[in-house]
PDB file of N, CA and C in Angstrom:
ATOM      1  N   MET A   1     109.430 115.583 104.090  1.00  0.00           N
ATOM      2  CA  MET A   1     110.003 114.801 105.160  1.00  0.00           C
ATOM      3  C   MET A   1     109.980 113.312 104.799  1.00  0.00           C
ATOM      4  N   ALA A   2     108.868 112.853 104.231  1.00  0.00           N
ATOM      5  CA  ALA A   2     108.757 111.434 103.902  1.00  0.00           C
ATOM      6  C   ALA A   2     109.824 111.018 102.897  1.00  0.00           C
ATOM      7  N   SER A   3     110.117 111.874 101.922  1.00  0.00           N
ATOM      8  CA  SER A   3     111.146 111.552 100.933  1.00  0.00           C
ATOM      9  C   SER A   3     112.517 111.430 101.581  1.00  0.00           C
ATOM     10  N   SER A   4     112.797 112.284 102.548  1.00  0.00           N
ATOM     11  CA  SER A   4     114.082 112.221 103.253  1.00  0.00           C
ATOM     12  C   SER A   4     114.204 110.935 104.059  1.00  0.00           C
ATOM     13  N   ILE A   5     113.125 110.535 104.708  1.00  0.00           N
ATOM     14  CA  ILE A   5     113.133 109.295 105.490  1.00  0.00           C
ATOM     15  C   ILE A   5     113.328 108.098 104.560  1.00  0.00           C
ATOM     16  N   LEU A   6     112.595 108.078 103.450  1.00  0.00           N
ATOM     17  CA  LEU A   6     112.734 106.976 102.502  1.00  0.00           C
ATOM     18  C   LEU A   6     114.146 106.931 101.935  1.00  0.00           C
ATOM     19  N   ALA A   7     114.717 108.078 101.607  1.00  0.00           N
ATOM     20  CA  ALA A   7     116.087 108.119 101.080  1.00  0.00           C
ATOM     21  C   ALA A   7     117.073 107.542 102.089  1.00  0.00           C
ATOM     22  N   ALA A   8     116.906 107.873 103.363  1.00  0.00           N
ATOM     23  CA  ALA A   8     117.790 107.334 104.400  1.00  0.00           C
ATOM     24  C   ALA A   8     117.614 105.819 104.523  1.00  0.00           C
ATOM     25  N   LEU A   9     116.382 105.350 104.457  1.00  0.00           N
ATOM     26  CA  LEU A   9     116.135 103.904 104.526  1.00  0.00           C
ATOM     27  C   LEU A   9     116.746 103.189 103.326  1.00  0.00           C
ATOM     28  N   GLU A  10     116.608 103.782 102.135  1.00  0.00           N
ATOM     29  CA  GLU A  10     117.195 103.181 100.941  1.00  0.00           C
ATOM     30  C   GLU A  10     118.717 103.129 101.050  1.00  0.00           C
ATOM     31  N   ALA A  11     119.332 104.204 101.505  1.00  0.00           N
ATOM     32  CA  ALA A  11     120.787 104.236 101.644  1.00  0.00           C
ATOM     33  C   ALA A  11     121.253 103.185 102.647  1.00  0.00           C
ATOM     34  N   HIS A  12     120.536 103.050 103.754  1.00  0.00           N
ATOM     35  CA  HIS A  12     120.904 102.060 104.760  1.00  0.00           C
ATOM     36  C   HIS A  12     120.735 100.647 104.200  1.00  0.00           C
ATOM     37  N   ALA A  13     119.623 100.399 103.534  1.00  0.00           N
ATOM     38  CA  ALA A  13     119.395  99.081 102.939  1.00  0.00           C
ATOM     39  C   ALA A  13     120.496  98.757 101.937  1.00  0.00           C
ATOM     40  N   HIS A  14     120.848  99.732 101.110  1.00  0.00           N
ATOM     41  CA  HIS A  14     121.911  99.516 100.126  1.00  0.00           C
ATOM     42  C   HIS A  14     123.230  99.192 100.818  1.00  0.00           C
ATOM     43  N   SER A  15     123.524  99.865 101.918  1.00  0.00           N
ATOM     44  CA  SER A  15     124.775  99.609 102.641  1.00  0.00           C
ATOM     45  C   SER A  15     124.815  98.197 103.221  1.00  0.00           C
ATOM     46  N   LEU A  16     123.657  97.594 103.410  1.00  0.00           N
ATOM     47  CA  LEU A  16     123.562  96.223 103.918  1.00  0.00           C
ATOM     48  C   LEU A  16     123.560  95.187 102.793  1.00  0.00           C
ATOM     49  N   GLY A  17     123.632  95.674 101.544  1.00  0.00           N
ATOM     50  CA  GLY A  17     123.629  94.766 100.409  1.00  0.00           C
ATOM     51  C   GLY A  17     122.249  94.415  99.893  1.00  0.00           C
ATOM     52  N   ILE A  18     121.244  95.090 100.387  1.00  0.00           N
ATOM     53  CA  ILE A  18     119.869  94.850  99.933  1.00  0.00           C
ATOM     54  C   ILE A  18     119.691  95.542  98.591  1.00  0.00           C
ATOM     55  N   THR A  19     119.090  94.845  97.625  1.00  0.00           N
ATOM     56  CA  THR A  19     118.975  95.394  96.281  1.00  0.00           C
ATOM     57  C   THR A  19     117.558  95.785  95.884  1.00  0.00           C
ATOM     58  N   SER A  20     116.585  95.460  96.720  1.00  0.00           N
ATOM     59  CA  SER A  20     115.215  95.890  96.443  1.00  0.00           C
ATOM     60  C   SER A  20     114.445  96.014  97.748  1.00  0.00           C
ATOM     61  N   ILE A  21     113.436  96.861  97.705  1.00  0.00           N
ATOM     62  CA  ILE A  21     112.586  97.054  98.880  1.00  0.00           C
ATOM     63  C   ILE A  21     111.133  96.961  98.438  1.00  0.00           C
ATOM     64  N   ARG A  22     110.278  96.622  99.386  1.00  0.00           N
ATOM     65  CA  ARG A  22     108.848  96.486  99.097  1.00  0.00           C
ATOM     66  C   ARG A  22     108.053  97.315 100.086  1.00  0.00           C
ATOM     67  N   ALA A  23     106.845  97.678  99.657  1.00  0.00           N
ATOM     68  CA  ALA A  23     105.967  98.472 100.510  1.00  0.00           C
ATOM     69  C   ALA A  23     104.522  98.107 100.206  1.00  0.00           C
ATOM     70  N   GLU A  24     103.641  98.485 101.119  1.00  0.00           N
ATOM     71  CA  GLU A  24     102.209  98.231 100.963  1.00  0.00           C
ATOM     72  C   GLU A  24     101.452  99.448 101.426  1.00  0.00           C
ATOM     73  N   ALA A  25     100.358  99.732 100.747  1.00  0.00           N
ATOM     74  CA  ALA A  25      99.435 100.791 101.165  1.00  0.00           C
ATOM     75  C   ALA A  25      98.023 100.291 100.916  1.00  0.00           C
ATOM     76  N   GLY A  26      97.127 100.645 101.793  1.00  0.00           N
ATOM     77  CA  GLY A  26      95.741 100.232 101.652  1.00  0.00           C
ATOM     78  C   GLY A  26      94.967 101.116 100.702  1.00  0.00           C
ATOM     79  N   SER A  27      93.789 100.665 100.337  1.00  0.00           N
ATOM     80  CA  SER A  27      92.969 101.387  99.368  1.00  0.00           C
ATOM     81  C   SER A  27      92.575 102.781  99.847  1.00  0.00           C
ATOM     82  N   VAL A  28      92.481 103.002 101.145  1.00  0.00           N
ATOM     83  CA  VAL A  28      92.117 104.335 101.651  1.00  0.00           C
ATOM     84  C   VAL A  28      93.337 105.235 101.828  1.00  0.00           C
ATOM     85  N   GLN A  29      94.513 104.722 101.518  1.00  0.00           N
ATOM     86  CA  GLN A  29      95.755 105.494 101.657  1.00  0.00           C
ATOM     87  C   GLN A  29      96.226 105.990 100.288  1.00  0.00           C
ATOM     88  N   ALA A  30      95.376 106.784  99.634  1.00  0.00           N
ATOM     89  CA  ALA A  30      95.694 107.288  98.292  1.00  0.00           C
ATOM     90  C   ALA A  30      96.991 108.094  98.305  1.00  0.00           C
ATOM     91  N   ASP A  31      97.214 108.896  99.332  1.00  0.00           N
ATOM     92  CA  ASP A  31      98.455 109.677  99.409  1.00  0.00           C
ATOM     93  C   ASP A  31      99.672 108.765  99.514  1.00  0.00           C
ATOM     94  N   GLY A  32      99.564 107.691 100.262  1.00  0.00           N
ATOM     95  CA  GLY A  32     100.659 106.747 100.398  1.00  0.00           C
ATOM     96  C   GLY A  32     100.949 106.038  99.087  1.00  0.00           C
ATOM     97  N   ARG A  33      99.908 105.615  98.390  1.00  0.00           N
ATOM     98  CA  ARG A  33     100.100 104.953  97.100  1.00  0.00           C
ATOM     99  C   ARG A  33     100.755 105.901  96.108  1.00  0.00           C
ATOM    100  N   GLN A  34     100.318 107.152  96.088  1.00  0.00           N
ATOM    101  CA  GLN A  34     100.897 108.147  95.190  1.00  0.00           C
ATOM    102  C   GLN A  34     102.360 108.410  95.552  1.00  0.00           C
ATOM    103  N   PHE A  35     102.662 108.473  96.842  1.00  0.00           N
ATOM    104  CA  PHE A  35     104.036 108.690  97.290  1.00  0.00           C
ATOM    105  C   PHE A  35     104.955 107.577  96.791  1.00  0.00           C
ATOM    106  N   TYR A  36     104.525 106.324  96.966  1.00  0.00           N
ATOM    107  CA  TYR A  36     105.351 105.214  96.511  1.00  0.00           C
ATOM    108  C   TYR A  36     105.579 105.287  95.003  1.00  0.00           C
ATOM    109  N   GLN A  37     104.527 105.545  94.251  1.00  0.00           N
ATOM    110  CA  GLN A  37     104.665 105.615  92.803  1.00  0.00           C
ATOM    111  C   GLN A  37     105.566 106.772  92.387  1.00  0.00           C
ATOM    112  N   ASN A  38     105.437 107.913  93.025  1.00  0.00           N
ATOM    113  CA  ASN A  38     106.286 109.064  92.716  1.00  0.00           C
ATOM    114  C   ASN A  38     107.734 108.835  93.135  1.00  0.00           C
ATOM    115  N   SER A  39     107.967 107.887  94.040  1.00  0.00           N
ATOM    116  CA  SER A  39     109.309 107.592  94.545  1.00  0.00           C
ATOM    117  C   SER A  39     109.982 106.447  93.787  1.00  0.00           C
ATOM    118  N   GLY A  40     109.381 106.020  92.692  1.00  0.00           N
ATOM    119  CA  GLY A  40     110.009 105.000  91.863  1.00  0.00           C
ATOM    120  C   GLY A  40     109.583 103.571  92.122  1.00  0.00           C
ATOM    121  N   PHE A  41     108.620 103.362  92.991  1.00  0.00           N
ATOM    122  CA  PHE A  41     108.097 102.027  93.235  1.00  0.00           C
ATOM    123  C   PHE A  41     107.152 101.648  92.096  1.00  0.00           C
ATOM    124  N   THR A  42     107.117 100.367  91.777  1.00  0.00           N
ATOM    125  CA  THR A  42     106.178  99.870  90.774  1.00  0.00           C
ATOM    126  C   THR A  42     105.254  98.852  91.432  1.00  0.00           C
ATOM    127  N   PRO A  43     104.018  98.772  90.941  1.00  0.00           N
ATOM    128  CA  PRO A  43     103.083  97.787  91.503  1.00  0.00           C
ATOM    129  C   PRO A  43     103.582  96.362  91.272  1.00  0.00           C
ATOM    130  N   VAL A  44     103.397  95.533  92.280  1.00  0.00           N
ATOM    131  CA  VAL A  44     103.749  94.110  92.204  1.00  0.00           C
ATOM    132  C   VAL A  44     102.600  93.305  92.797  1.00  0.00           C
ATOM    133  N   PRO A  45     102.553  92.007  92.509  1.00  0.00           N
ATOM    134  CA  PRO A  45     101.521  91.184  93.150  1.00  0.00           C
ATOM    135  C   PRO A  45     101.645  91.259  94.676  1.00  0.00           C
ATOM    136  N   ASN A  46     100.516  91.180  95.328  1.00  0.00           N
ATOM    137  CA  ASN A  46     100.523  91.231  96.789  1.00  0.00           C
ATOM    138  C   ASN A  46     101.410  90.118  97.343  1.00  0.00           C
ATOM    139  N   PHE A  47     102.139  90.456  98.403  1.00  0.00           N
ATOM    140  CA  PHE A  47     103.086  89.528  99.011  1.00  0.00           C
ATOM    141  C   PHE A  47     102.766  89.330 100.479  1.00  0.00           C
ATOM    142  N   GLY A  48     103.326  88.280 101.052  1.00  0.00           N
ATOM    143  CA  GLY A  48     103.216  88.020 102.491  1.00  0.00           C
ATOM    144  C   GLY A  48     101.789  88.076 103.001  1.00  0.00           C
ATOM    145  N   PRO A  49     101.576  88.830 104.072  1.00  0.00           N
ATOM    146  CA  PRO A  49     100.250  88.869 104.682  1.00  0.00           C
ATOM    147  C   PRO A  49      99.209  89.591 103.820  1.00  0.00           C
ATOM    148  N   TYR A  50      99.629  90.184 102.712  1.00  0.00           N
ATOM    149  CA  TYR A  50      98.704  90.925 101.851  1.00  0.00           C
ATOM    150  C   TYR A  50      98.170  90.080 100.700  1.00  0.00           C
ATOM    151  N   ILE A  51      98.658  88.850 100.559  1.00  0.00           N
ATOM    152  CA  ILE A  51      98.169  87.967  99.503  1.00  0.00           C
ATOM    153  C   ILE A  51      96.676  87.743  99.703  1.00  0.00           C
ATOM    154  N   GLY A  52      95.916  88.001  98.649  1.00  0.00           N
ATOM    155  CA  GLY A  52      94.471  87.805  98.697  1.00  0.00           C
ATOM    156  C   GLY A  52      93.696  88.939  99.330  1.00  0.00           C
ATOM    157  N   VAL A  53      94.378  89.980  99.784  1.00  0.00           N
ATOM    158  CA  VAL A  53      93.700  91.116 100.401  1.00  0.00           C
ATOM    159  C   VAL A  53      93.397  92.137  99.301  1.00  0.00           C
ATOM    160  N   GLU A  54      92.129  92.272  98.960  1.00  0.00           N
ATOM    161  CA  GLU A  54      91.731  93.099  97.828  1.00  0.00           C
ATOM    162  C   GLU A  54      92.011  94.584  98.024  1.00  0.00           C
ATOM    163  N   TYR A  55      92.029  95.070  99.238  1.00  0.00           N
ATOM    164  CA  TYR A  55      92.209  96.497  99.480  1.00  0.00           C
ATOM    165  C   TYR A  55      93.669  96.879  99.745  1.00  0.00           C
ATOM    166  N   SER A  56      94.592  95.938  99.510  1.00  0.00           N
ATOM    167  CA  SER A  56      96.020  96.220  99.666  1.00  0.00           C
ATOM    168  C   SER A  56      96.657  96.404  98.298  1.00  0.00           C
ATOM    169  N   TYR A  57      97.570  97.364  98.233  1.00  0.00           N
ATOM    170  CA  TYR A  57      98.338  97.635  97.023  1.00  0.00           C
ATOM    171  C   TYR A  57      99.810  97.487  97.385  1.00  0.00           C
ATOM    172  N   CYS A  58     100.503  96.590  96.695  1.00  0.00           N
ATOM    173  CA  CYS A  58     101.900  96.333  97.002  1.00  0.00           C
ATOM    174  C   CYS A  58     102.799  96.883  95.910  1.00  0.00           C
ATOM    175  N   TYR A  59     103.992  97.304  96.326  1.00  0.00           N
ATOM    176  CA  TYR A  59     104.948  97.954  95.442  1.00  0.00           C
ATOM    177  C   TYR A  59     106.346  97.423  95.730  1.00  0.00           C
ATOM    178  N   ALA A  60     107.234  97.549  94.740  1.00  0.00           N
ATOM    179  CA  ALA A  60     108.635  97.196  94.918  1.00  0.00           C
ATOM    180  C   ALA A  60     109.496  98.213  94.182  1.00  0.00           C
ATOM    181  N   LYS A  61     110.740  98.317  94.635  1.00  0.00           N
ATOM    182  CA  LYS A  61     111.691  99.241  94.026  1.00  0.00           C
ATOM    183  C   LYS A  61     113.083  98.656  94.129  1.00  0.00           C
ATOM    184  N   ALA A  62     113.792  98.630  92.994  1.00  0.00           N
ATOM    185  CA  ALA A  62     115.201  98.246  93.012  1.00  0.00           C
ATOM    186  C   ALA A  62     115.985  99.430  93.561  1.00  0.00           C
ATOM    187  N   ILE A  63     116.963  99.152  94.395  1.00  0.00           N
ATOM    188  CA  ILE A  63     117.779 100.238  94.946  1.00  0.00           C
ATOM    189  C   ILE A  63     119.243 100.004  94.616  1.00  0.00           C
ATOM    190  N   ASP A  64     119.925 101.109  94.426  1.00  0.00           N
ATOM    191  CA  ASP A  64     121.366 101.087  94.203  1.00  0.00           C
ATOM    192  C   ASP A  64     121.923 102.378  94.788  1.00  0.00           C
ATOM    193  N   SER A  65     123.165 102.664  94.520  1.00  0.00           N
ATOM    194  CA  SER A  65     123.793 103.841  95.131  1.00  0.00           C
ATOM    195  C   SER A  65     123.166 105.145  94.680  1.00  0.00           C
ATOM    196  N   HIS A  66     122.466 105.136  93.545  1.00  0.00           N
ATOM    197  CA  HIS A  66     121.878 106.374  93.038  1.00  0.00           C
ATOM    198  C   HIS A  66     120.411 106.554  93.449  1.00  0.00           C
ATOM    199  N   SER A  67     119.732 105.497  93.800  1.00  0.00           N
ATOM    200  CA  SER A  67     118.302 105.599  94.071  1.00  0.00           C
ATOM    201  C   SER A  67     117.997 106.452  95.304  1.00  0.00           C
ATOM    202  N   ALA A  68     118.800 106.343  96.346  1.00  0.00           N
ATOM    203  CA  ALA A  68     118.556 107.129  97.556  1.00  0.00           C
ATOM    204  C   ALA A  68     118.713 108.606  97.265  1.00  0.00           C
ATOM    205  N   ALA A  69     119.709 108.973  96.486  1.00  0.00           N
ATOM    206  CA  ALA A  69     119.900 110.380  96.145  1.00  0.00           C
ATOM    207  C   ALA A  69     118.734 110.891  95.315  1.00  0.00           C
ATOM    208  N   HIS A  70     118.250 110.068  94.378  1.00  0.00           N
ATOM    209  CA  HIS A  70     117.117 110.477  93.561  1.00  0.00           C
ATOM    210  C   HIS A  70     115.860 110.636  94.408  1.00  0.00           C
ATOM    211  N   THR A  71     115.620 109.705  95.347  1.00  0.00           N
ATOM    212  CA  THR A  71     114.461 109.792  96.225  1.00  0.00           C
ATOM    213  C   THR A  71     114.525 111.062  97.063  1.00  0.00           C
ATOM    214  N   ALA A  72     115.689 111.417  97.548  1.00  0.00           N
ATOM    215  CA  ALA A  72     115.832 112.610  98.379  1.00  0.00           C
ATOM    216  C   ALA A  72     115.486 113.875  97.608  1.00  0.00           C
ATOM    217  N   MET A  73     115.683 113.870  96.290  1.00  0.00           N
ATOM    218  CA  MET A  73     115.384 115.048  95.491  1.00  0.00           C
ATOM    219  C   MET A  73     113.932 115.092  95.061  1.00  0.00           C
ATOM    220  N   ALA A  74     113.182 113.998  95.196  1.00  0.00           N
ATOM    221  CA  ALA A  74     111.791 113.930  94.728  1.00  0.00           C
ATOM    222  C   ALA A  74     110.882 114.825  95.550  1.00  0.00           C
TER     223      ALA A  74
END
């Protein structure tokens, strides 16, 4: 279900001209961190309210017309 939701969000973001998305998961959210990594997100320096927060893990992913379809199949 989570992959389907992410694929829909990616497709919508792409339709708005957005070319990348970011996400955050905390240190106790191992399943969330694994999900982002399995969905093509890569670790990035902490951003926004997560700057300097040691237990936050931030991720980013470039999106295009093919990324949503790939996420849906993951």
